[in-house]
Amino acid sequence: MKTEHQGEDARQKGFRGRMVSIETFARKYRLDAEEAARLENQFGPVAGEIDLLQAARRNGMPEE
């Protein structure tokens, strides 16, 4: 049986993708240091990969 807390965790993680560090994300998608710093200021050191992709694309990251 799920507790209320587990349900909150599942909702937060559900559609956000796996959690990655900004450094790893920036290296994977070849982002410059300025964009990596912007994402880290916006999200902190770790965020969901989907959120990071959406934010980077809004700021001009080309789609692959």
N, C-alpha and C. Protein backbone atom coordinates (compact mmCIF):
# COMPACT_ATOMS: atom_id res chain seq x y z
N MET A 1 0.84 -1.18 0.00
CA MET A 1 0.00 0.00 0.00
C MET A 1 0.89 1.24 0.00
N LYS A 2 0.57 2.22 -0.85
CA LYS A 2 1.34 3.45 -0.91
C LYS A 2 0.95 4.38 0.23
N THR A 3 1.96 5.04 0.76
CA THR A 3 1.65 6.09 1.72
C THR A 3 1.46 7.38 0.94
N GLU A 4 0.92 8.38 1.60
CA GLU A 4 0.70 9.67 0.92
C GLU A 4 2.02 10.25 0.42
N HIS A 5 3.08 10.10 1.19
CA HIS A 5 4.39 10.63 0.81
C HIS A 5 4.91 9.96 -0.46
N GLN A 6 4.76 8.65 -0.57
CA GLN A 6 5.21 7.94 -1.76
C GLN A 6 4.44 8.41 -2.99
N GLY A 7 3.19 8.70 -2.84
CA GLY A 7 2.39 9.21 -3.95
C GLY A 7 2.90 10.55 -4.44
N GLU A 8 3.33 11.41 -3.52
CA GLU A 8 3.89 12.71 -3.90
C GLU A 8 5.18 12.52 -4.68
N ASP A 9 6.04 11.60 -4.22
CA ASP A 9 7.29 11.34 -4.93
C ASP A 9 7.02 10.84 -6.34
N ALA A 10 6.07 9.96 -6.50
CA ALA A 10 5.74 9.41 -7.80
C ALA A 10 5.23 10.50 -8.74
N ARG A 11 4.41 11.41 -8.22
CA ARG A 11 3.91 12.50 -9.06
C ARG A 11 5.03 13.42 -9.48
N GLN A 12 5.96 13.70 -8.59
CA GLN A 12 7.06 14.60 -8.92
C GLN A 12 7.98 13.99 -9.97
N LYS A 13 8.26 12.71 -9.88
CA LYS A 13 9.19 12.05 -10.79
C LYS A 13 8.51 11.58 -12.08
N GLY A 14 7.22 11.37 -12.04
CA GLY A 14 6.49 10.73 -13.12
C GLY A 14 6.83 11.17 -14.52
N PHE A 15 6.66 12.42 -14.85
CA PHE A 15 6.85 12.87 -16.22
C PHE A 15 8.07 13.75 -16.39
N ARG A 16 8.91 13.79 -15.41
CA ARG A 16 10.09 14.66 -15.47
C ARG A 16 11.32 13.94 -15.99
N GLY A 17 11.23 12.67 -16.19
CA GLY A 17 12.40 11.92 -16.63
C GLY A 17 13.34 11.65 -15.47
N ARG A 18 14.46 11.05 -15.79
CA ARG A 18 15.41 10.73 -14.73
C ARG A 18 16.11 11.99 -14.27
N MET A 19 16.53 11.99 -13.04
CA MET A 19 17.23 13.13 -12.47
C MET A 19 18.70 13.07 -12.91
N VAL A 20 19.20 14.20 -13.37
CA VAL A 20 20.60 14.28 -13.82
C VAL A 20 21.21 15.56 -13.27
N SER A 21 22.52 15.54 -13.14
CA SER A 21 23.21 16.77 -12.73
C SER A 21 23.28 17.70 -13.93
N ILE A 22 23.33 18.98 -13.65
CA ILE A 22 23.43 19.98 -14.72
C ILE A 22 24.73 19.77 -15.50
N GLU A 23 25.79 19.43 -14.80
CA GLU A 23 27.09 19.19 -15.45
C GLU A 23 27.00 18.05 -16.46
N THR A 24 26.38 16.95 -16.06
CA THR A 24 26.23 15.79 -16.94
C THR A 24 25.35 16.14 -18.14
N PHE A 25 24.26 16.84 -17.88
CA PHE A 25 23.35 17.25 -18.94
C PHE A 25 24.06 18.16 -19.94
N ALA A 26 24.80 19.14 -19.44
CA ALA A 26 25.50 20.08 -20.31
C ALA A 26 26.54 19.36 -21.18
N ARG A 27 27.23 18.40 -20.61
CA ARG A 27 28.22 17.65 -21.37
C ARG A 27 27.54 16.80 -22.44
N LYS A 28 26.46 16.13 -22.07
CA LYS A 28 25.74 15.26 -23.01
C LYS A 28 25.21 16.03 -24.22
N TYR A 29 24.68 17.23 -23.97
CA TYR A 29 24.07 18.01 -25.05
C TYR A 29 24.97 19.14 -25.55
N ARG A 30 26.24 19.11 -25.14
CA ARG A 30 27.25 20.06 -25.60
C ARG A 30 26.82 21.51 -25.44
N LEU A 31 26.34 21.82 -24.25
CA LEU A 31 25.94 23.19 -23.95
C LEU A 31 27.15 24.00 -23.53
N ASP A 32 27.14 25.28 -23.84
CA ASP A 32 28.25 26.12 -23.41
C ASP A 32 28.13 26.43 -21.91
N ALA A 33 29.19 26.99 -21.36
CA ALA A 33 29.23 27.24 -19.91
C ALA A 33 28.15 28.22 -19.48
N GLU A 34 27.85 29.20 -20.32
CA GLU A 34 26.82 30.19 -19.99
C GLU A 34 25.44 29.54 -19.84
N GLU A 35 25.10 28.66 -20.76
CA GLU A 35 23.79 27.97 -20.69
C GLU A 35 23.75 27.02 -19.50
N ALA A 36 24.84 26.32 -19.24
CA ALA A 36 24.89 25.42 -18.08
C ALA A 36 24.69 26.21 -16.79
N ALA A 37 25.32 27.37 -16.69
CA ALA A 37 25.17 28.21 -15.50
C ALA A 37 23.73 28.71 -15.37
N ARG A 38 23.12 29.08 -16.49
CA ARG A 38 21.73 29.55 -16.46
C ARG A 38 20.80 28.45 -15.95
N LEU A 39 21.00 27.23 -16.46
CA LEU A 39 20.16 26.11 -16.03
C LEU A 39 20.38 25.80 -14.55
N GLU A 40 21.63 25.87 -14.10
CA GLU A 40 21.91 25.60 -12.69
C GLU A 40 21.28 26.66 -11.80
N ASN A 41 21.29 27.91 -12.24
CA ASN A 41 20.63 28.97 -11.47
C ASN A 41 19.13 28.76 -11.42
N GLN A 42 18.57 28.25 -12.50
CA GLN A 42 17.13 28.04 -12.56
C GLN A 42 16.68 26.81 -11.78
N PHE A 43 17.44 25.71 -11.87
CA PHE A 43 17.00 24.44 -11.30
C PHE A 43 17.80 23.95 -10.10
N GLY A 44 18.98 24.47 -9.89
CA GLY A 44 19.86 23.92 -8.87
C GLY A 44 20.79 22.90 -9.50
N PRO A 45 21.54 22.16 -8.70
CA PRO A 45 22.56 21.26 -9.25
C PRO A 45 22.00 20.01 -9.94
N VAL A 46 20.75 19.64 -9.64
CA VAL A 46 20.16 18.42 -10.20
C VAL A 46 18.71 18.71 -10.59
N ALA A 47 18.30 18.16 -11.73
CA ALA A 47 16.91 18.36 -12.17
C ALA A 47 16.50 17.21 -13.09
N GLY A 48 15.22 17.16 -13.38
CA GLY A 48 14.72 16.15 -14.31
C GLY A 48 15.18 16.46 -15.72
N GLU A 49 15.57 15.43 -16.45
CA GLU A 49 16.11 15.63 -17.79
C GLU A 49 15.10 16.29 -18.72
N ILE A 50 13.84 15.94 -18.60
CA ILE A 50 12.80 16.54 -19.45
C ILE A 50 12.70 18.04 -19.18
N ASP A 51 12.70 18.43 -17.91
CA ASP A 51 12.64 19.86 -17.57
C ASP A 51 13.83 20.61 -18.16
N LEU A 52 15.01 20.00 -18.07
CA LEU A 52 16.21 20.64 -18.59
C LEU A 52 16.15 20.77 -20.11
N LEU A 53 15.70 19.74 -20.78
CA LEU A 53 15.57 19.80 -22.24
C LEU A 53 14.61 20.90 -22.66
N GLN A 54 13.48 20.97 -21.99
CA GLN A 54 12.50 22.00 -22.34
C GLN A 54 13.07 23.40 -22.11
N ALA A 55 13.73 23.60 -21.00
CA ALA A 55 14.29 24.91 -20.69
C ALA A 55 15.40 25.29 -21.67
N ALA A 56 16.25 24.33 -22.01
CA ALA A 56 17.35 24.60 -22.94
C ALA A 56 16.81 24.90 -24.34
N ARG A 57 15.80 24.20 -24.76
CA ARG A 57 15.22 24.45 -26.09
C ARG A 57 14.55 25.81 -26.15
N ARG A 58 13.89 26.21 -25.07
CA ARG A 58 13.28 27.55 -25.04
C ARG A 58 14.34 28.64 -25.18
N ASN A 59 15.56 28.32 -24.77
CA ASN A 59 16.63 29.31 -24.82
C ASN A 59 17.49 29.15 -26.09
N GLY A 60 17.01 28.38 -27.06
CA GLY A 60 17.70 28.31 -28.34
C GLY A 60 18.50 27.06 -28.61
N MET A 61 18.45 26.06 -27.74
CA MET A 61 19.17 24.81 -28.01
C MET A 61 18.51 24.13 -29.20
N PRO A 62 19.29 23.78 -30.22
CA PRO A 62 18.69 23.12 -31.39
C PRO A 62 18.21 21.71 -31.07
N GLU A 63 17.12 21.30 -31.70
CA GLU A 63 16.63 19.94 -31.53
C GLU A 63 17.53 19.01 -32.33
N GLU A 64 17.75 17.83 -31.77
CA GLU A 64 18.62 16.86 -32.45
C GLU A 64 17.83 16.05 -33.43
